[in-house]
Amino acid sequence: MFKEILENEGIKVELRSTEMAYMDNVYFGAGGMVDIYVDEEHFDEAKTIIEDLKRSENNNGEG
């Protein structure tokens, strides 16, 4: 989901699976835990997009 959304915004994304789970990982269902890598020039934009999506999902789950 995040990969497609970021790529639709023109941000090149690389997903790398990880063996060790830690706070900054994103869970991709049956695919397991992955790290999301973007070019440094797009980092702030990608981070904002992901945070907005997470916030939106949390708000939709309430009430």
PDB file of N, CA and C in Angstrom:
ATOM      1  N   MET A   1       0.818  -1.182   0.000  1.00  0.00           N
ATOM      2  CA  MET A   1       0.000   0.000   0.000  1.00  0.00           C
ATOM      3  C   MET A   1       0.871   1.260   0.000  1.00  0.00           C
ATOM      4  N   PHE A   2       1.776   1.388   0.965  1.00  0.00           N
ATOM      5  CA  PHE A   2       2.621   2.589   1.037  1.00  0.00           C
ATOM      6  C   PHE A   2       3.464   2.742  -0.224  1.00  0.00           C
ATOM      7  N   LYS A   3       4.000   1.632  -0.716  1.00  0.00           N
ATOM      8  CA  LYS A   3       4.858   1.679  -1.895  1.00  0.00           C
ATOM      9  C   LYS A   3       4.106   2.285  -3.074  1.00  0.00           C
ATOM     10  N   GLU A   4       2.908   1.802  -3.335  1.00  0.00           N
ATOM     11  CA  GLU A   4       2.131   2.292  -4.463  1.00  0.00           C
ATOM     12  C   GLU A   4       1.766   3.764  -4.300  1.00  0.00           C
ATOM     13  N   ILE A   5       1.397   4.152  -3.099  1.00  0.00           N
ATOM     14  CA  ILE A   5       1.015   5.544  -2.852  1.00  0.00           C
ATOM     15  C   ILE A   5       2.207   6.473  -3.061  1.00  0.00           C
ATOM     16  N   LEU A   6       3.357   6.101  -2.512  1.00  0.00           N
ATOM     17  CA  LEU A   6       4.552   6.924  -2.688  1.00  0.00           C
ATOM     18  C   LEU A   6       4.957   7.000  -4.158  1.00  0.00           C
ATOM     19  N   GLU A   7       4.904   5.870  -4.859  1.00  0.00           N
ATOM     20  CA  GLU A   7       5.272   5.872  -6.270  1.00  0.00           C
ATOM     21  C   GLU A   7       4.308   6.717  -7.094  1.00  0.00           C
ATOM     22  N   ASN A   8       3.028   6.741  -6.714  1.00  0.00           N
ATOM     23  CA  ASN A   8       2.055   7.596  -7.399  1.00  0.00           C
ATOM     24  C   ASN A   8       2.376   9.078  -7.200  1.00  0.00           C
ATOM     25  N   GLU A   9       3.121   9.387  -6.138  1.00  0.00           N
ATOM     26  CA  GLU A   9       3.561  10.765  -5.876  1.00  0.00           C
ATOM     27  C   GLU A   9       4.913  11.066  -6.518  1.00  0.00           C
ATOM     28  N   GLY A  10       5.412  10.100  -7.299  1.00  0.00           N
ATOM     29  CA  GLY A  10       6.676  10.303  -8.001  1.00  0.00           C
ATOM     30  C   GLY A  10       7.907   9.998  -7.168  1.00  0.00           C
ATOM     31  N   ILE A  11       7.722   9.242  -6.074  1.00  0.00           N
ATOM     32  CA  ILE A  11       8.830   8.905  -5.180  1.00  0.00           C
ATOM     33  C   ILE A  11       9.233   7.452  -5.433  1.00  0.00           C
ATOM     34  N   LYS A  12      10.487   7.252  -5.826  1.00  0.00           N
ATOM     35  CA  LYS A  12      11.010   5.901  -6.039  1.00  0.00           C
ATOM     36  C   LYS A  12      11.156   5.216  -4.689  1.00  0.00           C
ATOM     37  N   VAL A  13      10.657   3.979  -4.594  1.00  0.00           N
ATOM     38  CA  VAL A  13      10.624   3.248  -3.323  1.00  0.00           C
ATOM     39  C   VAL A  13      11.315   1.905  -3.482  1.00  0.00           C
ATOM     40  N   GLU A  14      12.083   1.547  -2.462  1.00  0.00           N
ATOM     41  CA  GLU A  14      12.668   0.208  -2.387  1.00  0.00           C
ATOM     42  C   GLU A  14      12.252  -0.396  -1.055  1.00  0.00           C
ATOM     43  N   LEU A  15      11.706  -1.607  -1.113  1.00  0.00           N
ATOM     44  CA  LEU A  15      11.324  -2.323   0.099  1.00  0.00           C
ATOM     45  C   LEU A  15      12.362  -3.400   0.372  1.00  0.00           C
ATOM     46  N   ARG A  16      12.816  -3.474   1.607  1.00  0.00           N
ATOM     47  CA  ARG A  16      13.783  -4.504   2.006  1.00  0.00           C
ATOM     48  C   ARG A  16      13.221  -5.231   3.213  1.00  0.00           C
ATOM     49  N   SER A  17      13.149  -6.548   3.102  1.00  0.00           N
ATOM     50  CA  SER A  17      12.671  -7.323   4.243  1.00  0.00           C
ATOM     51  C   SER A  17      13.732  -7.326   5.332  1.00  0.00           C
ATOM     52  N   THR A  18      13.279  -7.515   6.545  1.00  0.00           N
ATOM     53  CA  THR A  18      14.205  -7.502   7.671  1.00  0.00           C
ATOM     54  C   THR A  18      13.872  -8.661   8.598  1.00  0.00           C
ATOM     55  N   GLU A  19      14.886  -9.217   9.188  1.00  0.00           N
ATOM     56  CA  GLU A  19      14.707 -10.312  10.145  1.00  0.00           C
ATOM     57  C   GLU A  19      14.366  -9.774  11.528  1.00  0.00           C
ATOM     58  N   MET A  20      14.920  -8.611  11.870  1.00  0.00           N
ATOM     59  CA  MET A  20      14.731  -8.059  13.203  1.00  0.00           C
ATOM     60  C   MET A  20      13.656  -6.989  13.165  1.00  0.00           C
ATOM     61  N   ALA A  21      12.636  -7.160  13.981  1.00  0.00           N
ATOM     62  CA  ALA A  21      11.570  -6.161  14.048  1.00  0.00           C
ATOM     63  C   ALA A  21      11.985  -5.047  15.002  1.00  0.00           C
ATOM     64  N   TYR A  22      11.760  -3.828  14.591  1.00  0.00           N
ATOM     65  CA  TYR A  22      11.978  -2.682  15.461  1.00  0.00           C
ATOM     66  C   TYR A  22      10.952  -1.618  15.122  1.00  0.00           C
ATOM     67  N   MET A  23      10.915  -0.547  15.882  1.00  0.00           N
ATOM     68  CA  MET A  23       9.830   0.422  15.846  1.00  0.00           C
ATOM     69  C   MET A  23       9.557   1.054  14.486  1.00  0.00           C
ATOM     70  N   ASP A  24      10.557   1.223  13.625  1.00  0.00           N
ATOM     71  CA  ASP A  24      10.354   1.951  12.388  1.00  0.00           C
ATOM     72  C   ASP A  24       9.907   1.065  11.226  1.00  0.00           C
ATOM     73  N   ASN A  25       9.697  -0.202  11.458  1.00  0.00           N
ATOM     74  CA  ASN A  25       9.247  -1.088  10.394  1.00  0.00           C
ATOM     75  C   ASN A  25       7.773  -0.888  10.127  1.00  0.00           C
ATOM     76  N   VAL A  26       7.376  -1.290   8.955  1.00  0.00           N
ATOM     77  CA  VAL A  26       5.974  -1.256   8.565  1.00  0.00           C
ATOM     78  C   VAL A  26       5.562  -2.690   8.282  1.00  0.00           C
ATOM     79  N   TYR A  27       4.404  -3.109   8.769  1.00  0.00           N
ATOM     80  CA  TYR A  27       3.937  -4.470   8.565  1.00  0.00           C
ATOM     81  C   TYR A  27       3.128  -4.549   7.285  1.00  0.00           C
ATOM     82  N   PHE A  28       3.491  -5.446   6.397  1.00  0.00           N
ATOM     83  CA  PHE A  28       2.820  -5.607   5.125  1.00  0.00           C
ATOM     84  C   PHE A  28       2.133  -6.968   5.065  1.00  0.00           C
ATOM     85  N   GLY A  29       1.194  -7.217   5.950  1.00  0.00           N
ATOM     86  CA  GLY A  29       0.388  -8.438   5.932  1.00  0.00           C
ATOM     87  C   GLY A  29       1.246  -9.678   5.862  1.00  0.00           C
ATOM     88  N   ALA A  30       0.897 -10.564   4.932  1.00  0.00           N
ATOM     89  CA  ALA A  30       1.591 -11.838   4.804  1.00  0.00           C
ATOM     90  C   ALA A  30       3.037 -11.645   4.351  1.00  0.00           C
ATOM     91  N   GLY A  31       3.358 -10.474   3.824  1.00  0.00           N
ATOM     92  CA  GLY A  31       4.718 -10.216   3.366  1.00  0.00           C
ATOM     93  C   GLY A  31       5.697 -10.014   4.497  1.00  0.00           C
ATOM     94  N   GLY A  32       5.205  -9.798   5.703  1.00  0.00           N
ATOM     95  CA  GLY A  32       6.072  -9.608   6.845  1.00  0.00           C
ATOM     96  C   GLY A  32       6.546  -8.174   6.998  1.00  0.00           C
ATOM     97  N   MET A  33       7.572  -8.009   7.821  1.00  0.00           N
ATOM     98  CA  MET A  33       8.104  -6.683   8.114  1.00  0.00           C
ATOM     99  C   MET A  33       9.068  -6.255   7.016  1.00  0.00           C
ATOM    100  N   VAL A  34       8.975  -4.983   6.629  1.00  0.00           N
ATOM    101  CA  VAL A  34       9.890  -4.431   5.645  1.00  0.00           C
ATOM    102  C   VAL A  34      10.319  -3.039   6.071  1.00  0.00           C
ATOM    103  N   ASP A  35      11.470  -2.626   5.578  1.00  0.00           N
ATOM    104  CA  ASP A  35      11.920  -1.245   5.708  1.00  0.00           C
ATOM    105  C   ASP A  35      11.624  -0.571   4.382  1.00  0.00           C
ATOM    106  N   ILE A  36      11.227   0.689   4.444  1.00  0.00           N
ATOM    107  CA  ILE A  36      10.952   1.470   3.246  1.00  0.00           C
ATOM    108  C   ILE A  36      12.131   2.410   3.016  1.00  0.00           C
ATOM    109  N   TYR A  37      12.729   2.333   1.837  1.00  0.00           N
ATOM    110  CA  TYR A  37      13.850   3.196   1.479  1.00  0.00           C
ATOM    111  C   TYR A  37      13.432   4.117   0.332  1.00  0.00           C
ATOM    112  N   VAL A  38      13.733   5.411   0.497  1.00  0.00           N
ATOM    113  CA  VAL A  38      13.503   6.401  -0.553  1.00  0.00           C
ATOM    114  C   VAL A  38      14.771   7.241  -0.689  1.00  0.00           C
ATOM    115  N   ASP A  39      14.890   7.916  -1.815  1.00  0.00           N
ATOM    116  CA  ASP A  39      16.035   8.819  -1.989  1.00  0.00           C
ATOM    117  C   ASP A  39      15.983   9.914  -0.931  1.00  0.00           C
ATOM    118  N   GLU A  40      17.150  10.344  -0.489  1.00  0.00           N
ATOM    119  CA  GLU A  40      17.239  11.348   0.572  1.00  0.00           C
ATOM    120  C   GLU A  40      16.455  12.620   0.218  1.00  0.00           C
ATOM    121  N   GLU A  41      16.469  12.981  -1.044  1.00  0.00           N
ATOM    122  CA  GLU A  41      15.780  14.206  -1.451  1.00  0.00           C
ATOM    123  C   GLU A  41      14.265  14.114  -1.275  1.00  0.00           C
ATOM    124  N   HIS A  42      13.720  12.890  -1.184  1.00  0.00           N
ATOM    125  CA  HIS A  42      12.283  12.695  -1.017  1.00  0.00           C
ATOM    126  C   HIS A  42      11.906  12.227   0.379  1.00  0.00           C
ATOM    127  N   PHE A  43      12.897  12.125   1.270  1.00  0.00           N
ATOM    128  CA  PHE A  43      12.644  11.556   2.597  1.00  0.00           C
ATOM    129  C   PHE A  43      11.546  12.297   3.357  1.00  0.00           C
ATOM    130  N   ASP A  44      11.665  13.615   3.479  1.00  0.00           N
ATOM    131  CA  ASP A  44      10.689  14.377   4.265  1.00  0.00           C
ATOM    132  C   ASP A  44       9.286  14.255   3.685  1.00  0.00           C
ATOM    133  N   GLU A  45       9.184  14.320   2.366  1.00  0.00           N
ATOM    134  CA  GLU A  45       7.871  14.190   1.712  1.00  0.00           C
ATOM    135  C   GLU A  45       7.281  12.800   1.956  1.00  0.00           C
ATOM    136  N   ALA A  46       8.102  11.758   1.803  1.00  0.00           N
ATOM    137  CA  ALA A  46       7.630  10.388   2.011  1.00  0.00           C
ATOM    138  C   ALA A  46       7.204  10.178   3.460  1.00  0.00           C
ATOM    139  N   LYS A  47       7.987  10.692   4.380  1.00  0.00           N
ATOM    140  CA  LYS A  47       7.665  10.558   5.801  1.00  0.00           C
ATOM    141  C   LYS A  47       6.329  11.225   6.114  1.00  0.00           C
ATOM    142  N   THR A  48       6.108  12.410   5.568  1.00  0.00           N
ATOM    143  CA  THR A  48       4.849  13.123   5.796  1.00  0.00           C
ATOM    144  C   THR A  48       3.671  12.345   5.221  1.00  0.00           C
ATOM    145  N   ILE A  49       3.829  11.806   4.029  1.00  0.00           N
ATOM    146  CA  ILE A  49       2.754  11.026   3.397  1.00  0.00           C
ATOM    147  C   ILE A  49       2.407   9.815   4.246  1.00  0.00           C
ATOM    148  N   ILE A  50       3.419   9.077   4.705  1.00  0.00           N
ATOM    149  CA  ILE A  50       3.180   7.879   5.514  1.00  0.00           C
ATOM    150  C   ILE A  50       2.538   8.245   6.841  1.00  0.00           C
ATOM    151  N   GLU A  51       3.029   9.294   7.492  1.00  0.00           N
ATOM    152  CA  GLU A  51       2.442   9.718   8.769  1.00  0.00           C
ATOM    153  C   GLU A  51       0.985  10.135   8.591  1.00  0.00           C
ATOM    154  N   ASP A  52       0.682  10.854   7.506  1.00  0.00           N
ATOM    155  CA  ASP A  52      -0.695  11.269   7.235  1.00  0.00           C
ATOM    156  C   ASP A  52      -1.594  10.053   7.009  1.00  0.00           C
ATOM    157  N   LEU A  53      -1.084   9.058   6.286  1.00  0.00           N
ATOM    158  CA  LEU A  53      -1.865   7.843   6.042  1.00  0.00           C
ATOM    159  C   LEU A  53      -2.138   7.085   7.341  1.00  0.00           C
ATOM    160  N   LYS A  54      -1.111   6.959   8.169  1.00  0.00           N
ATOM    161  CA  LYS A  54      -1.283   6.272   9.453  1.00  0.00           C
ATOM    162  C   LYS A  54      -2.287   7.009  10.327  1.00  0.00           C
ATOM    163  N   ARG A  55      -2.191   8.335  10.361  1.00  0.00           N
ATOM    164  CA  ARG A  55      -3.104   9.151  11.158  1.00  0.00           C
ATOM    165  C   ARG A  55      -4.532   8.978  10.644  1.00  0.00           C
ATOM    166  N   SER A  56      -4.704   8.979   9.342  1.00  0.00           N
ATOM    167  CA  SER A  56      -6.015   8.814   8.725  1.00  0.00           C
ATOM    168  C   SER A  56      -6.602   7.441   9.062  1.00  0.00           C
ATOM    169  N   GLU A  57      -5.775   6.391   8.999  1.00  0.00           N
ATOM    170  CA  GLU A  57      -6.238   5.046   9.336  1.00  0.00           C
ATOM    171  C   GLU A  57      -6.658   4.961  10.794  1.00  0.00           C
ATOM    172  N   ASN A  58      -5.888   5.594  11.683  1.00  0.00           N
ATOM    173  CA  ASN A  58      -6.228   5.585  13.108  1.00  0.00           C
ATOM    174  C   ASN A  58      -7.525   6.332  13.364  1.00  0.00           C
ATOM    175  N   ASN A  59      -7.744   7.439  12.694  1.00  0.00           N
ATOM    176  CA  ASN A  59      -8.972   8.207  12.870  1.00  0.00           C
ATOM    177  C   ASN A  59     -10.181   7.476  12.319  1.00  0.00           C
ATOM    178  N   ASN A  60     -10.012   6.727  11.223  1.00  0.00           N
ATOM    179  CA  ASN A  60     -11.123   5.968  10.657  1.00  0.00           C
ATOM    180  C   ASN A  60     -11.516   4.799  11.537  1.00  0.00           C
ATOM    181  N   GLY A  61     -10.594   4.293  12.329  1.00  0.00           N
ATOM    182  CA  GLY A  61     -10.871   3.158  13.201  1.00  0.00           C
ATOM    183  C   GLY A  61     -11.543   3.555  14.494  1.00  0.00           C
ATOM    184  N   GLU A  62     -11.601   4.847  14.799  1.00  0.00           N
ATOM    185  CA  GLU A  62     -12.199   5.312  16.052  1.00  0.00           C
ATOM    186  C   GLU A  62     -13.662   5.657  15.846  1.00  0.00           C
ATOM    187  N   GLY A  63     -14.438   5.438  16.923  1.00  0.00           N
ATOM    188  CA  GLY A  63     -15.822   5.874  16.906  1.00  0.00           C
ATOM    189  C   GLY A  63     -16.676   4.862  16.344  1.00  0.00           C
TER     190      GLY A  63
END
